[in-house]
Amino acid sequence: MTPSPENTETLDEFRDRARTWIRANLRPADPEAHIGVLRAEGTDEEELAAVARERELQRILFDAGLAGICFPREYGGQGLTRAHQRVLDEELAGFE
């Protein structure tokens, strides 16, 4: 299902909303972090804490309407376009 024009944010509106929310709610990314690498150097406890934080981030992104961007609304997504997902990816760059 494609989103209907009357209920879809423009890319600029979406970018503004995403940027504002990201800067208010997420921490800058740690340039030393091993993104996507489990057990690189840390302990089991550090790994579990990292996984817990990732789950927390997924929940707060979902609650903010910034998860499931391209998934249809009837399946819990936002029903937006791939262009909206690219905008979100650009705005998330440099943040956890």
PDB file of N, CA and C in Angstrom:
ATOM      1  N   MET A   1       0.844  -1.185   0.000  1.00  0.00           N
ATOM      2  CA  MET A   1       0.000   0.000   0.000  1.00  0.00           C
ATOM      3  C   MET A   1       0.883   1.239   0.000  1.00  0.00           C
ATOM      4  N   THR A   2       0.584   2.161  -0.860  1.00  0.00           N
ATOM      5  CA  THR A   2       1.327   3.412  -0.903  1.00  0.00           C
ATOM      6  C   THR A   2       0.602   4.451  -0.054  1.00  0.00           C
ATOM      7  N   PRO A   3       1.375   5.258   0.659  1.00  0.00           N
ATOM      8  CA  PRO A   3       0.723   6.266   1.484  1.00  0.00           C
ATOM      9  C   PRO A   3      -0.042   7.256   0.613  1.00  0.00           C
ATOM     10  N   SER A   4      -1.174   7.718   1.086  1.00  0.00           N
ATOM     11  CA  SER A   4      -1.927   8.702   0.322  1.00  0.00           C
ATOM     12  C   SER A   4      -1.332  10.084   0.564  1.00  0.00           C
ATOM     13  N   PRO A   5      -1.336  10.923  -0.460  1.00  0.00           N
ATOM     14  CA  PRO A   5      -0.707  12.242  -0.353  1.00  0.00           C
ATOM     15  C   PRO A   5      -1.254  13.096   0.787  1.00  0.00           C
ATOM     16  N   GLU A   6      -2.542  12.953   1.098  1.00  0.00           N
ATOM     17  CA  GLU A   6      -3.122  13.826   2.120  1.00  0.00           C
ATOM     18  C   GLU A   6      -2.679  13.490   3.544  1.00  0.00           C
ATOM     19  N   ASN A   7      -2.130  12.284   3.782  1.00  0.00           N
ATOM     20  CA  ASN A   7      -1.727  11.951   5.153  1.00  0.00           C
ATOM     21  C   ASN A   7      -0.251  11.579   5.257  1.00  0.00           C
ATOM     22  N   THR A   8       0.544  12.039   4.311  1.00  0.00           N
ATOM     23  CA  THR A   8       1.979  11.769   4.336  1.00  0.00           C
ATOM     24  C   THR A   8       2.743  13.066   4.545  1.00  0.00           C
ATOM     25  N   GLU A   9       3.649  13.049   5.514  1.00  0.00           N
ATOM     26  CA  GLU A   9       4.511  14.208   5.719  1.00  0.00           C
ATOM     27  C   GLU A   9       5.391  14.407   4.499  1.00  0.00           C
ATOM     28  N   THR A  10       5.643  15.654   4.153  1.00  0.00           N
ATOM     29  CA  THR A  10       6.625  15.902   3.110  1.00  0.00           C
ATOM     30  C   THR A  10       7.993  15.498   3.653  1.00  0.00           C
ATOM     31  N   LEU A  11       8.946  15.338   2.772  1.00  0.00           N
ATOM     32  CA  LEU A  11      10.297  14.994   3.215  1.00  0.00           C
ATOM     33  C   LEU A  11      10.871  16.075   4.118  1.00  0.00           C
ATOM     34  N   ASP A  12      10.617  17.329   3.794  1.00  0.00           N
ATOM     35  CA  ASP A  12      11.130  18.422   4.630  1.00  0.00           C
ATOM     36  C   ASP A  12      10.479  18.426   6.013  1.00  0.00           C
ATOM     37  N   GLU A  13       9.170  18.202   6.073  1.00  0.00           N
ATOM     38  CA  GLU A  13       8.477  18.135   7.368  1.00  0.00           C
ATOM     39  C   GLU A  13       9.013  16.963   8.192  1.00  0.00           C
ATOM     40  N   PHE A  14       9.176  15.837   7.529  1.00  0.00           N
ATOM     41  CA  PHE A  14       9.677  14.649   8.214  1.00  0.00           C
ATOM     42  C   PHE A  14      11.102  14.873   8.713  1.00  0.00           C
ATOM     43  N   ARG A  15      11.945  15.474   7.870  1.00  0.00           N
ATOM     44  CA  ARG A  15      13.325  15.755   8.271  1.00  0.00           C
ATOM     45  C   ARG A  15      13.361  16.661   9.502  1.00  0.00           C
ATOM     46  N   ASP A  16      12.554  17.706   9.486  1.00  0.00           N
ATOM     47  CA  ASP A  16      12.516  18.623  10.633  1.00  0.00           C
ATOM     48  C   ASP A  16      12.075  17.904  11.903  1.00  0.00           C
ATOM     49  N   ARG A  17      11.028  17.090  11.797  1.00  0.00           N
ATOM     50  CA  ARG A  17      10.535  16.346  12.963  1.00  0.00           C
ATOM     51  C   ARG A  17      11.580  15.368  13.466  1.00  0.00           C
ATOM     52  N   ALA A  18      12.188  14.609  12.540  1.00  0.00           N
ATOM     53  CA  ALA A  18      13.201  13.621  12.924  1.00  0.00           C
ATOM     54  C   ALA A  18      14.414  14.311  13.546  1.00  0.00           C
ATOM     55  N   ARG A  19      14.909  15.356  12.920  1.00  0.00           N
ATOM     56  CA  ARG A  19      16.096  16.063  13.419  1.00  0.00           C
ATOM     57  C   ARG A  19      15.861  16.604  14.825  1.00  0.00           C
ATOM     58  N   THR A  20      14.727  17.236  15.026  1.00  0.00           N
ATOM     59  CA  THR A  20      14.407  17.792  16.335  1.00  0.00           C
ATOM     60  C   THR A  20      14.353  16.693  17.391  1.00  0.00           C
ATOM     61  N   TRP A  21      13.663  15.608  17.081  1.00  0.00           N
ATOM     62  CA  TRP A  21      13.526  14.519  18.051  1.00  0.00           C
ATOM     63  C   TRP A  21      14.874  13.853  18.326  1.00  0.00           C
ATOM     64  N   ILE A  22      15.646  13.580  17.302  1.00  0.00           N
ATOM     65  CA  ILE A  22      16.941  12.907  17.462  1.00  0.00           C
ATOM     66  C   ILE A  22      17.865  13.734  18.347  1.00  0.00           C
ATOM     67  N   ARG A  23      17.962  15.011  18.077  1.00  0.00           N
ATOM     68  CA  ARG A  23      18.867  15.869  18.863  1.00  0.00           C
ATOM     69  C   ARG A  23      18.412  16.012  20.317  1.00  0.00           C
ATOM     70  N   ALA A  24      17.113  15.885  20.553  1.00  0.00           N
ATOM     71  CA  ALA A  24      16.590  16.010  21.910  1.00  0.00           C
ATOM     72  C   ALA A  24      16.643  14.694  22.693  1.00  0.00           C
ATOM     73  N   ASN A  25      16.730  13.557  21.993  1.00  0.00           N
ATOM     74  CA  ASN A  25      16.561  12.277  22.669  1.00  0.00           C
ATOM     75  C   ASN A  25      17.701  11.271  22.536  1.00  0.00           C
ATOM     76  N   LEU A  26      18.595  11.465  21.600  1.00  0.00           N
ATOM     77  CA  LEU A  26      19.681  10.502  21.403  1.00  0.00           C
ATOM     78  C   LEU A  26      21.026  11.133  21.713  1.00  0.00           C
ATOM     79  N   ARG A  27      21.945  10.281  22.119  1.00  0.00           N
ATOM     80  CA  ARG A  27      23.307  10.746  22.400  1.00  0.00           C
ATOM     81  C   ARG A  27      24.140  10.670  21.118  1.00  0.00           C
ATOM     82  N   PRO A  28      25.133  11.532  21.005  1.00  0.00           N
ATOM     83  CA  PRO A  28      26.056  11.390  19.872  1.00  0.00           C
ATOM     84  C   PRO A  28      26.714  10.014  19.920  1.00  0.00           C
ATOM     85  N   ALA A  29      26.994   9.468  18.750  1.00  0.00           N
ATOM     86  CA  ALA A  29      27.627   8.153  18.667  1.00  0.00           C
ATOM     87  C   ALA A  29      29.051   8.229  19.190  1.00  0.00           C
ATOM     88  N   ASP A  30      29.492   7.137  19.782  1.00  0.00           N
ATOM     89  CA  ASP A  30      30.864   7.017  20.256  1.00  0.00           C
ATOM     90  C   ASP A  30      31.725   6.567  19.081  1.00  0.00           C
ATOM     91  N   PRO A  31      32.645   7.408  18.617  1.00  0.00           N
ATOM     92  CA  PRO A  31      33.461   7.030  17.460  1.00  0.00           C
ATOM     93  C   PRO A  31      34.342   5.812  17.726  1.00  0.00           C
ATOM     94  N   GLU A  32      34.554   5.480  18.987  1.00  0.00           N
ATOM     95  CA  GLU A  32      35.378   4.329  19.342  1.00  0.00           C
ATOM     96  C   GLU A  32      34.565   3.035  19.449  1.00  0.00           C
ATOM     97  N   ALA A  33      33.232   3.154  19.366  1.00  0.00           N
ATOM     98  CA  ALA A  33      32.375   1.974  19.518  1.00  0.00           C
ATOM     99  C   ALA A  33      32.554   1.042  18.328  1.00  0.00           C
ATOM    100  N   HIS A  34      32.439  -0.218  18.599  1.00  0.00           N
ATOM    101  CA  HIS A  34      32.528  -1.235  17.552  1.00  0.00           C
ATOM    102  C   HIS A  34      31.113  -1.567  17.100  1.00  0.00           C
ATOM    103  N   ILE A  35      30.588  -0.738  16.231  1.00  0.00           N
ATOM    104  CA  ILE A  35      29.207  -0.884  15.792  1.00  0.00           C
ATOM    105  C   ILE A  35      29.028  -2.223  15.076  1.00  0.00           C
ATOM    106  N   GLY A  36      28.031  -2.963  15.522  1.00  0.00           N
ATOM    107  CA  GLY A  36      27.708  -4.237  14.890  1.00  0.00           C
ATOM    108  C   GLY A  36      28.636  -5.368  15.266  1.00  0.00           C
ATOM    109  N   VAL A  37      29.556  -5.137  16.179  1.00  0.00           N
ATOM    110  CA  VAL A  37      30.506  -6.179  16.569  1.00  0.00           C
ATOM    111  C   VAL A  37      30.242  -6.554  18.020  1.00  0.00           C
ATOM    112  N   LEU A  38      29.837  -7.787  18.230  1.00  0.00           N
ATOM    113  CA  LEU A  38      29.626  -8.251  19.591  1.00  0.00           C
ATOM    114  C   LEU A  38      30.875  -8.959  20.076  1.00  0.00           C
ATOM    115  N   ARG A  39      31.137  -8.834  21.359  1.00  0.00           N
ATOM    116  CA  ARG A  39      32.279  -9.465  22.001  1.00  0.00           C
ATOM    117  C   ARG A  39      33.629  -9.046  21.410  1.00  0.00           C
ATOM    118  N   ALA A  40      33.685  -7.852  20.894  1.00  0.00           N
ATOM    119  CA  ALA A  40      34.953  -7.384  20.333  1.00  0.00           C
ATOM    120  C   ALA A  40      36.026  -7.344  21.411  1.00  0.00           C
ATOM    121  N   GLU A  41      35.744  -6.671  22.500  1.00  0.00           N
ATOM    122  CA  GLU A  41      36.729  -6.535  23.566  1.00  0.00           C
ATOM    123  C   GLU A  41      36.087  -6.533  24.938  1.00  0.00           C
ATOM    124  N   GLY A  42      34.780  -6.423  24.990  1.00  0.00           N
ATOM    125  CA  GLY A  42      34.107  -6.239  26.264  1.00  0.00           C
ATOM    126  C   GLY A  42      33.740  -7.531  26.962  1.00  0.00           C
ATOM    127  N   THR A  43      33.254  -7.352  28.144  1.00  0.00           N
ATOM    128  CA  THR A  43      32.811  -8.478  28.956  1.00  0.00           C
ATOM    129  C   THR A  43      31.395  -8.870  28.556  1.00  0.00           C
ATOM    130  N   ASP A  44      30.945  -9.994  29.084  1.00  0.00           N
ATOM    131  CA  ASP A  44      29.563 -10.412  28.846  1.00  0.00           C
ATOM    132  C   ASP A  44      28.588  -9.357  29.361  1.00  0.00           C
ATOM    133  N   GLU A  45      28.886  -8.784  30.513  1.00  0.00           N
ATOM    134  CA  GLU A  45      28.012  -7.773  31.094  1.00  0.00           C
ATOM    135  C   GLU A  45      27.930  -6.532  30.197  1.00  0.00           C
ATOM    136  N   GLU A  46      29.064  -6.138  29.624  1.00  0.00           N
ATOM    137  CA  GLU A  46      29.068  -4.986  28.720  1.00  0.00           C
ATOM    138  C   GLU A  46      28.270  -5.293  27.457  1.00  0.00           C
ATOM    139  N   GLU A  47      28.389  -6.500  26.973  1.00  0.00           N
ATOM    140  CA  GLU A  47      27.630  -6.896  25.788  1.00  0.00           C
ATOM    141  C   GLU A  47      26.127  -6.886  26.084  1.00  0.00           C
ATOM    142  N   LEU A  48      25.741  -7.438  27.234  1.00  0.00           N
ATOM    143  CA  LEU A  48      24.325  -7.448  27.608  1.00  0.00           C
ATOM    144  C   LEU A  48      23.793  -6.031  27.783  1.00  0.00           C
ATOM    145  N   ALA A  49      24.588  -5.156  28.349  1.00  0.00           N
ATOM    146  CA  ALA A  49      24.177  -3.758  28.511  1.00  0.00           C
ATOM    147  C   ALA A  49      23.999  -3.093  27.146  1.00  0.00           C
ATOM    148  N   ALA A  50      24.890  -3.384  26.209  1.00  0.00           N
ATOM    149  CA  ALA A  50      24.788  -2.814  24.862  1.00  0.00           C
ATOM    150  C   ALA A  50      23.527  -3.311  24.160  1.00  0.00           C
ATOM    151  N   VAL A  51      23.241  -4.596  24.291  1.00  0.00           N
ATOM    152  CA  VAL A  51      22.031  -5.159  23.679  1.00  0.00           C
ATOM    153  C   VAL A  51      20.787  -4.534  24.311  1.00  0.00           C
ATOM    154  N   ALA A  52      20.799  -4.370  25.623  1.00  0.00           N
ATOM    155  CA  ALA A  52      19.656  -3.754  26.308  1.00  0.00           C
ATOM    156  C   ALA A  52      19.450  -2.323  25.811  1.00  0.00           C
ATOM    157  N   ARG A  53      20.532  -1.583  25.608  1.00  0.00           N
ATOM    158  CA  ARG A  53      20.424  -0.206  25.116  1.00  0.00           C
ATOM    159  C   ARG A  53      19.863  -0.197  23.698  1.00  0.00           C
ATOM    160  N   GLU A  54      20.304  -1.125  22.858  1.00  0.00           N
ATOM    161  CA  GLU A  54      19.788  -1.201  21.489  1.00  0.00           C
ATOM    162  C   GLU A  54      18.280  -1.465  21.499  1.00  0.00           C
ATOM    163  N   ARG A  55      17.841  -2.343  22.367  1.00  0.00           N
ATOM    164  CA  ARG A  55      16.400  -2.628  22.482  1.00  0.00           C
ATOM    165  C   ARG A  55      15.650  -1.383  22.961  1.00  0.00           C
ATOM    166  N   GLU A  56      16.234  -0.678  23.924  1.00  0.00           N
ATOM    167  CA  GLU A  56      15.618   0.549  24.420  1.00  0.00           C
ATOM    168  C   GLU A  56      15.509   1.585  23.298  1.00  0.00           C
ATOM    169  N   LEU A  57      16.571   1.707  22.503  1.00  0.00           N
ATOM    170  CA  LEU A  57      16.554   2.652  21.382  1.00  0.00           C
ATOM    171  C   LEU A  57      15.468   2.295  20.382  1.00  0.00           C
ATOM    172  N   GLN A  58      15.318   1.005  20.078  1.00  0.00           N
ATOM    173  CA  GLN A  58      14.261   0.587  19.157  1.00  0.00           C
ATOM    174  C   GLN A  58      12.891   0.976  19.696  1.00  0.00           C
ATOM    175  N   ARG A  59      12.671   0.791  20.982  1.00  0.00           N
ATOM    176  CA  ARG A  59      11.384   1.127  21.588  1.00  0.00           C
ATOM    177  C   ARG A  59      11.123   2.629  21.531  1.00  0.00           C
ATOM    178  N   ILE A  60      12.120   3.447  21.877  1.00  0.00           N
ATOM    179  CA  ILE A  60      11.865   4.889  21.888  1.00  0.00           C
ATOM    180  C   ILE A  60      11.721   5.436  20.462  1.00  0.00           C
ATOM    181  N   LEU A  61      12.436   4.842  19.507  1.00  0.00           N
ATOM    182  CA  LEU A  61      12.237   5.238  18.106  1.00  0.00           C
ATOM    183  C   LEU A  61      10.824   4.885  17.655  1.00  0.00           C
ATOM    184  N   PHE A  62      10.367   3.684  18.021  1.00  0.00           N
ATOM    185  CA  PHE A  62       9.006   3.266  17.670  1.00  0.00           C
ATOM    186  C   PHE A  62       7.984   4.204  18.301  1.00  0.00           C
ATOM    187  N   ASP A  63       8.147   4.480  19.578  1.00  0.00           N
ATOM    188  CA  ASP A  63       7.205   5.348  20.283  1.00  0.00           C
ATOM    189  C   ASP A  63       7.167   6.756  19.687  1.00  0.00           C
ATOM    190  N   ALA A  64       8.281   7.179  19.112  1.00  0.00           N
ATOM    191  CA  ALA A  64       8.361   8.512  18.496  1.00  0.00           C
ATOM    192  C   ALA A  64       7.868   8.515  17.054  1.00  0.00           C
ATOM    193  N   GLY A  65       7.466   7.346  16.542  1.00  0.00           N
ATOM    194  CA  GLY A  65       7.021   7.271  15.150  1.00  0.00           C
ATOM    195  C   GLY A  65       8.176   7.260  14.170  1.00  0.00           C
ATOM    196  N   LEU A  66       9.351   6.806  14.630  1.00  0.00           N
ATOM    197  CA  LEU A  66      10.543   6.796  13.776  1.00  0.00           C
ATOM    198  C   LEU A  66      11.084   5.379  13.578  1.00  0.00           C
ATOM    199  N   ALA A  67      10.205   4.394  13.611  1.00  0.00           N
ATOM    200  CA  ALA A  67      10.594   3.015  13.320  1.00  0.00           C
ATOM    201  C   ALA A  67       9.561   2.451  12.357  1.00  0.00           C
ATOM    202  N   GLY A  68       9.976   1.479  11.567  1.00  0.00           N
ATOM    203  CA  GLY A  68       9.059   0.895  10.602  1.00  0.00           C
ATOM    204  C   GLY A  68       8.596   1.914   9.581  1.00  0.00           C
ATOM    205  N   ILE A  69       9.493   2.767   9.168  1.00  0.00           N
ATOM    206  CA  ILE A  69       9.155   3.885   8.283  1.00  0.00           C
ATOM    207  C   ILE A  69       8.399   3.425   7.033  1.00  0.00           C
ATOM    208  N   CYS A  70       8.887   2.383   6.372  1.00  0.00           N
ATOM    209  CA  CYS A  70       8.298   1.936   5.110  1.00  0.00           C
ATOM    210  C   CYS A  70       7.264   0.816   5.271  1.00  0.00           C
ATOM    211  N   PHE A  71       7.052   0.365   6.485  1.00  0.00           N
ATOM    212  CA  PHE A  71       6.060  -0.690   6.706  1.00  0.00           C
ATOM    213  C   PHE A  71       4.657  -0.084   6.670  1.00  0.00           C
ATOM    214  N   PRO A  72       3.695  -0.806   6.137  1.00  0.00           N
ATOM    215  CA  PRO A  72       2.322  -0.289   6.105  1.00  0.00           C
ATOM    216  C   PRO A  72       1.792  -0.023   7.513  1.00  0.00           C
ATOM    217  N   ARG A  73       0.942   0.973   7.614  1.00  0.00           N
ATOM    218  CA  ARG A  73       0.366   1.336   8.909  1.00  0.00           C
ATOM    219  C   ARG A  73      -0.409   0.179   9.536  1.00  0.00           C
ATOM    220  N   GLU A  74      -1.079  -0.607   8.703  1.00  0.00           N
ATOM    221  CA  GLU A  74      -1.869  -1.708   9.260  1.00  0.00           C
ATOM    222  C   GLU A  74      -1.001  -2.790   9.895  1.00  0.00           C
ATOM    223  N   TYR A  75       0.296  -2.741   9.670  1.00  0.00           N
ATOM    224  CA  TYR A  75       1.225  -3.688  10.299  1.00  0.00           C
ATOM    225  C   TYR A  75       2.107  -3.018  11.349  1.00  0.00           C
ATOM    226  N   GLY A  76       1.712  -1.843  11.795  1.00  0.00           N
ATOM    227  CA  GLY A  76       2.439  -1.155  12.855  1.00  0.00           C
ATOM    228  C   GLY A  76       3.511  -0.201  12.377  1.00  0.00           C
ATOM    229  N   GLY A  77       3.639  -0.041  11.067  1.00  0.00           N
ATOM    230  CA  GLY A  77       4.647   0.862  10.526  1.00  0.00           C
ATOM    231  C   GLY A  77       4.105   2.267  10.311  1.00  0.00           C
ATOM    232  N   GLN A  78       4.916   3.085   9.667  1.00  0.00           N
ATOM    233  CA  GLN A  78       4.541   4.478   9.421  1.00  0.00           C
ATOM    234  C   GLN A  78       3.895   4.686   8.057  1.00  0.00           C
ATOM    235  N   GLY A  79       4.054   3.717   7.157  1.00  0.00           N
ATOM    236  CA  GLY A  79       3.445   3.834   5.836  1.00  0.00           C
ATOM    237  C   GLY A  79       4.054   4.917   4.975  1.00  0.00           C
ATOM    238  N   LEU A  80       5.316   5.249   5.237  1.00  0.00           N
ATOM    239  CA  LEU A  80       5.984   6.299   4.470  1.00  0.00           C
ATOM    240  C   LEU A  80       6.830   5.679   3.356  1.00  0.00           C
ATOM    241  N   THR A  81       7.552   6.494   2.648  1.00  0.00           N
ATOM    242  CA  THR A  81       8.299   6.046   1.468  1.00  0.00           C
ATOM    243  C   THR A  81       9.754   5.722   1.801  1.00  0.00           C
ATOM    244  N   ARG A  82      10.422   5.112   0.844  1.00  0.00           N
ATOM    245  CA  ARG A  82      11.854   4.849   1.011  1.00  0.00           C
ATOM    246  C   ARG A  82      12.639   6.150   1.104  1.00  0.00           C
ATOM    247  N   ALA A  83      12.143   7.183   0.473  1.00  0.00           N
ATOM    248  CA  ALA A  83      12.802   8.491   0.575  1.00  0.00           C
ATOM    249  C   ALA A  83      12.742   8.991   2.024  1.00  0.00           C
ATOM    250  N   HIS A  84      11.642   8.739   2.708  1.00  0.00           N
ATOM    251  CA  HIS A  84      11.546   9.103   4.125  1.00  0.00           C
ATOM    252  C   HIS A  84      12.566   8.309   4.941  1.00  0.00           C
ATOM    253  N   GLN A  85      12.747   7.032   4.618  1.00  0.00           N
ATOM    254  CA  GLN A  85      13.734   6.213   5.331  1.00  0.00           C
ATOM    255  C   GLN A  85      15.144   6.754   5.108  1.00  0.00           C
ATOM    256  N   ARG A  86      15.456   7.172   3.878  1.00  0.00           N
ATOM    257  CA  ARG A  86      16.779   7.749   3.595  1.00  0.00           C
ATOM    258  C   ARG A  86      16.993   9.019   4.408  1.00  0.00           C
ATOM    259  N   VAL A  87      15.951   9.843   4.498  1.00  0.00           N
ATOM    260  CA  VAL A  87      16.038  11.076   5.295  1.00  0.00           C
ATOM    261  C   VAL A  87      16.339  10.733   6.752  1.00  0.00           C
ATOM    262  N   LEU A  88      15.627   9.746   7.300  1.00  0.00           N
ATOM    263  CA  LEU A  88      15.870   9.345   8.684  1.00  0.00           C
ATOM    264  C   LEU A  88      17.292   8.842   8.855  1.00  0.00           C
ATOM    265  N   ASP A  89      17.752   8.013   7.935  1.00  0.00           N
ATOM    266  CA  ASP A  89      19.120   7.496   8.011  1.00  0.00           C
ATOM    267  C   ASP A  89      20.135   8.636   8.012  1.00  0.00           C
ATOM    268  N   GLU A  90      19.907   9.629   7.167  1.00  0.00           N
ATOM    269  CA  GLU A  90      20.820  10.780   7.131  1.00  0.00           C
ATOM    270  C   GLU A  90      20.816  11.527   8.464  1.00  0.00           C
ATOM    271  N   GLU A  91      19.641  11.719   9.042  1.00  0.00           N
ATOM    272  CA  GLU A  91      19.549  12.459  10.299  1.00  0.00           C
ATOM    273  C   GLU A  91      20.124  11.653  11.481  1.00  0.00           C
ATOM    274  N   LEU A  92      20.044  10.334  11.414  1.00  0.00           N
ATOM    275  CA  LEU A  92      20.576   9.496  12.497  1.00  0.00           C
ATOM    276  C   LEU A  92      22.096   9.383  12.443  1.00  0.00           C
ATOM    277  N   ALA A  93      22.708   9.724  11.329  1.00  0.00           N
ATOM    278  CA  ALA A  93      24.167   9.606  11.206  1.00  0.00           C
ATOM    279  C   ALA A  93      24.833  10.435  12.300  1.00  0.00           C
ATOM    280  N   GLY A  94      25.740   9.791  13.010  1.00  0.00           N
ATOM    281  CA  GLY A  94      26.457  10.467  14.080  1.00  0.00           C
ATOM    282  C   GLY A  94      25.808  10.361  15.437  1.00  0.00           C
ATOM    283  N   PHE A  95      24.673   9.660  15.501  1.00  0.00           N
ATOM    284  CA  PHE A  95      23.982   9.456  16.774  1.00  0.00           C
ATOM    285  C   PHE A  95      23.912   7.964  17.065  1.00  0.00           C
ATOM    286  N   GLU A  96      23.709   7.645  18.356  1.00  0.00           N
ATOM    287  CA  GLU A  96      23.633   6.237  18.747  1.00  0.00           C
ATOM    288  C   GLU A  96      22.510   5.527  18.029  1.00  0.00           C
TER     289      GLU A  96
END
